[in-house]
Structures are given as C-alpha cells and as structure tokens.
Amino acid sequence: MILHNVVQVIFLLAGIVSLLASLLDWDWFFTADNASFLVTRLGRRGARWVYGAIGAVFIFAAVYFYYQIEKL
C-alpha cells in the first residue's frame, strides 16, 4: 500500500509542476533538453498547451487512483 501512495505522490507532483510550468511559462522548464522536442515541433505556445494537458491528466490520475485504492 505504501508503494501505491508513493507513486500517487510522484504523479501528483509531476502534474503540479507540469501544469504550473505551462500556466506560468517557466523559462527554465521550456528551455530544458527534455522539452525542446515539443518546443521545436509545436512552438512555445503549443508546448505549453501539451504540458498543461499532461499535468492535468497526471493530477487526475493521482486523485482517481487514490480514491480507487481507498475503496479496497
């Protein structure tokens, strides 16, 4: 059960960072090597939309799985 909670926290934190980076247009986030692929393909604005969506999905997944595990 502890491992499930750790994974949920990781998903939640990754989602929060991704969502905040897209909303606040963090320069350090979008100039990193990992984000450069999307920035060159979609532009900065498109990459912000994608990372915002990814962040929302990660947050939703963390909350959803938290409640699903609590039912067990």
N, C-alpha and C. Protein backbone atom coordinates (compact mmCIF):
# COMPACT_ATOMS: atom_id res chain seq x y z
N MET A 1 0.82 -1.20 0.00
CA MET A 1 0.00 0.00 0.00
C MET A 1 0.87 1.26 0.00
N ILE A 2 1.99 1.19 0.68
CA ILE A 2 2.88 2.36 0.74
C ILE A 2 3.42 2.67 -0.65
N LEU A 3 3.75 1.65 -1.42
CA LEU A 3 4.28 1.88 -2.76
C LEU A 3 3.25 2.59 -3.64
N HIS A 4 1.99 2.24 -3.49
CA HIS A 4 0.93 2.90 -4.25
C HIS A 4 0.87 4.39 -3.90
N ASN A 5 0.99 4.69 -2.62
CA ASN A 5 0.94 6.09 -2.20
C ASN A 5 2.14 6.87 -2.71
N VAL A 6 3.29 6.24 -2.75
CA VAL A 6 4.50 6.92 -3.27
C VAL A 6 4.31 7.24 -4.74
N VAL A 7 3.80 6.28 -5.51
CA VAL A 7 3.57 6.51 -6.94
C VAL A 7 2.53 7.61 -7.15
N GLN A 8 1.50 7.63 -6.32
CA GLN A 8 0.48 8.68 -6.43
C GLN A 8 1.07 10.06 -6.15
N VAL A 9 1.92 10.15 -5.16
CA VAL A 9 2.54 11.43 -4.83
C VAL A 9 3.45 11.88 -5.97
N ILE A 10 4.18 10.94 -6.56
CA ILE A 10 5.04 11.29 -7.70
C ILE A 10 4.21 11.81 -8.86
N PHE A 11 3.11 11.12 -9.17
CA PHE A 11 2.23 11.58 -10.23
C PHE A 11 1.66 12.96 -9.91
N LEU A 12 1.24 13.16 -8.67
CA LEU A 12 0.67 14.44 -8.28
C LEU A 12 1.69 15.57 -8.40
N LEU A 13 2.90 15.35 -7.92
CA LEU A 13 3.93 16.38 -8.00
C LEU A 13 4.34 16.67 -9.44
N ALA A 14 4.47 15.63 -10.25
CA ALA A 14 4.82 15.84 -11.66
C ALA A 14 3.71 16.60 -12.37
N GLY A 15 2.47 16.29 -12.05
CA GLY A 15 1.35 17.00 -12.65
C GLY A 15 1.30 18.46 -12.24
N ILE A 16 1.55 18.72 -10.97
CA ILE A 16 1.54 20.11 -10.49
C ILE A 16 2.65 20.92 -11.13
N VAL A 17 3.85 20.34 -11.21
CA VAL A 17 4.98 21.06 -11.82
C VAL A 17 4.69 21.32 -13.30
N SER A 18 4.19 20.32 -14.00
CA SER A 18 3.90 20.48 -15.43
C SER A 18 2.80 21.52 -15.66
N LEU A 19 1.76 21.47 -14.86
CA LEU A 19 0.67 22.43 -15.01
C LEU A 19 1.12 23.85 -14.67
N LEU A 20 1.85 24.00 -13.58
CA LEU A 20 2.36 25.33 -13.23
C LEU A 20 3.34 25.86 -14.26
N ALA A 21 4.17 24.99 -14.80
CA ALA A 21 5.13 25.43 -15.83
C ALA A 21 4.38 25.95 -17.05
N SER A 22 3.30 25.29 -17.42
CA SER A 22 2.55 25.73 -18.59
C SER A 22 1.79 27.02 -18.31
N LEU A 23 1.24 27.15 -17.13
CA LEU A 23 0.47 28.36 -16.80
C LEU A 23 1.36 29.58 -16.58
N LEU A 24 2.51 29.37 -15.94
CA LEU A 24 3.39 30.48 -15.60
C LEU A 24 4.51 30.69 -16.61
N ASP A 25 4.55 29.85 -17.65
CA ASP A 25 5.54 29.97 -18.73
C ASP A 25 6.96 30.02 -18.18
N TRP A 26 7.30 29.02 -17.38
CA TRP A 26 8.63 28.95 -16.78
C TRP A 26 9.68 28.75 -17.85
N ASP A 27 10.60 29.67 -17.95
CA ASP A 27 11.65 29.61 -18.97
C ASP A 27 12.58 28.42 -18.75
N TRP A 28 12.93 28.13 -17.50
CA TRP A 28 13.83 27.01 -17.22
C TRP A 28 13.22 25.68 -17.64
N PHE A 29 11.91 25.58 -17.59
CA PHE A 29 11.24 24.35 -17.96
C PHE A 29 11.24 24.15 -19.47
N PHE A 30 10.93 25.20 -20.21
CA PHE A 30 10.78 25.08 -21.66
C PHE A 30 12.09 25.20 -22.42
N THR A 31 13.17 25.57 -21.75
CA THR A 31 14.47 25.58 -22.40
C THR A 31 15.28 24.33 -22.07
N ALA A 32 14.74 23.46 -21.24
CA ALA A 32 15.42 22.20 -20.89
C ALA A 32 15.46 21.28 -22.11
N ASP A 33 16.42 20.40 -22.13
CA ASP A 33 16.57 19.48 -23.25
C ASP A 33 15.35 18.59 -23.45
N ASN A 34 14.71 18.18 -22.36
CA ASN A 34 13.56 17.30 -22.45
C ASN A 34 12.37 17.97 -23.14
N ALA A 35 12.20 19.25 -22.94
CA ALA A 35 11.06 19.96 -23.52
C ALA A 35 11.37 20.51 -24.91
N SER A 36 12.62 20.51 -25.30
CA SER A 36 12.99 21.14 -26.57
C SER A 36 12.37 20.45 -27.77
N PHE A 37 12.13 19.14 -27.68
CA PHE A 37 11.50 18.43 -28.79
C PHE A 37 10.13 19.01 -29.10
N LEU A 38 9.29 19.17 -28.08
CA LEU A 38 7.95 19.72 -28.31
C LEU A 38 8.00 21.21 -28.66
N VAL A 39 8.92 21.93 -28.07
CA VAL A 39 9.02 23.37 -28.37
C VAL A 39 9.40 23.59 -29.82
N THR A 40 10.32 22.78 -30.36
CA THR A 40 10.71 22.96 -31.75
C THR A 40 9.61 22.49 -32.70
N ARG A 41 8.84 21.46 -32.30
CA ARG A 41 7.78 20.93 -33.17
C ARG A 41 6.51 21.79 -33.13
N LEU A 42 6.11 22.20 -31.94
CA LEU A 42 4.82 22.89 -31.78
C LEU A 42 4.95 24.37 -31.48
N GLY A 43 6.14 24.83 -31.20
CA GLY A 43 6.31 26.20 -30.74
C GLY A 43 6.10 26.26 -29.24
N ARG A 44 6.47 27.37 -28.67
CA ARG A 44 6.39 27.50 -27.21
C ARG A 44 4.94 27.44 -26.73
N ARG A 45 4.05 28.09 -27.45
CA ARG A 45 2.64 28.11 -27.04
C ARG A 45 2.02 26.71 -27.14
N GLY A 46 2.31 26.00 -28.19
CA GLY A 46 1.79 24.64 -28.33
C GLY A 46 2.34 23.70 -27.28
N ALA A 47 3.62 23.85 -26.97
CA ALA A 47 4.23 23.02 -25.93
C ALA A 47 3.61 23.32 -24.57
N ARG A 48 3.28 24.58 -24.33
CA ARG A 48 2.61 24.93 -23.07
C ARG A 48 1.25 24.25 -22.97
N TRP A 49 0.51 24.19 -24.06
CA TRP A 49 -0.78 23.51 -24.06
C TRP A 49 -0.61 22.02 -23.79
N VAL A 50 0.37 21.41 -24.44
CA VAL A 50 0.59 19.97 -24.25
C VAL A 50 1.00 19.67 -22.81
N TYR A 51 1.94 20.43 -22.28
CA TYR A 51 2.38 20.18 -20.91
C TYR A 51 1.28 20.50 -19.90
N GLY A 52 0.44 21.46 -20.19
CA GLY A 52 -0.71 21.72 -19.32
C GLY A 52 -1.68 20.55 -19.31
N ALA A 53 -1.92 19.99 -20.48
CA ALA A 53 -2.81 18.83 -20.57
C ALA A 53 -2.20 17.62 -19.87
N ILE A 54 -0.91 17.41 -20.06
CA ILE A 54 -0.23 16.29 -19.39
C ILE A 54 -0.30 16.47 -17.88
N GLY A 55 -0.09 17.68 -17.41
CA GLY A 55 -0.17 17.94 -15.97
C GLY A 55 -1.56 17.68 -15.43
N ALA A 56 -2.59 18.11 -16.16
CA ALA A 56 -3.96 17.86 -15.71
C ALA A 56 -4.27 16.37 -15.68
N VAL A 57 -3.80 15.64 -16.67
CA VAL A 57 -4.03 14.18 -16.70
C VAL A 57 -3.30 13.50 -15.53
N PHE A 58 -2.08 13.92 -15.25
CA PHE A 58 -1.34 13.32 -14.12
C PHE A 58 -2.04 13.60 -12.79
N ILE A 59 -2.51 14.82 -12.61
CA ILE A 59 -3.22 15.17 -11.37
C ILE A 59 -4.50 14.36 -11.26
N PHE A 60 -5.25 14.27 -12.35
CA PHE A 60 -6.49 13.49 -12.36
C PHE A 60 -6.20 12.02 -12.05
N ALA A 61 -5.16 11.47 -12.65
CA ALA A 61 -4.81 10.07 -12.41
C ALA A 61 -4.44 9.83 -10.96
N ALA A 62 -3.68 10.73 -10.37
CA ALA A 62 -3.29 10.57 -8.97
C ALA A 62 -4.51 10.59 -8.06
N VAL A 63 -5.41 11.52 -8.28
CA VAL A 63 -6.61 11.61 -7.45
C VAL A 63 -7.52 10.41 -7.69
N TYR A 64 -7.69 10.01 -8.93
CA TYR A 64 -8.56 8.88 -9.27
C TYR A 64 -8.05 7.60 -8.62
N PHE A 65 -6.77 7.31 -8.76
CA PHE A 65 -6.22 6.09 -8.19
C PHE A 65 -6.19 6.14 -6.67
N TYR A 66 -6.08 7.32 -6.10
CA TYR A 66 -6.16 7.44 -4.64
C TYR A 66 -7.52 6.97 -4.14
N TYR A 67 -8.57 7.44 -4.80
CA TYR A 67 -9.91 7.03 -4.36
C TYR A 67 -10.22 5.58 -4.72
N GLN A 68 -9.67 5.08 -5.79
CA GLN A 68 -9.89 3.68 -6.15
C GLN A 68 -9.20 2.74 -5.15
N ILE A 69 -8.05 3.08 -4.69
CA ILE A 69 -7.32 2.25 -3.74
C ILE A 69 -7.97 2.33 -2.36
N GLU A 70 -8.50 3.50 -2.01
CA GLU A 70 -9.15 3.66 -0.72
C GLU A 70 -10.40 2.78 -0.62
N LYS A 71 -11.05 2.46 -1.74
CA LYS A 71 -12.24 1.62 -1.72
C LYS A 71 -11.90 0.16 -1.40
N LEU A 72 -10.68 -0.25 -1.69
CA LEU A 72 -10.30 -1.66 -1.47
C LEU A 72 -10.19 -2.01 -0.03
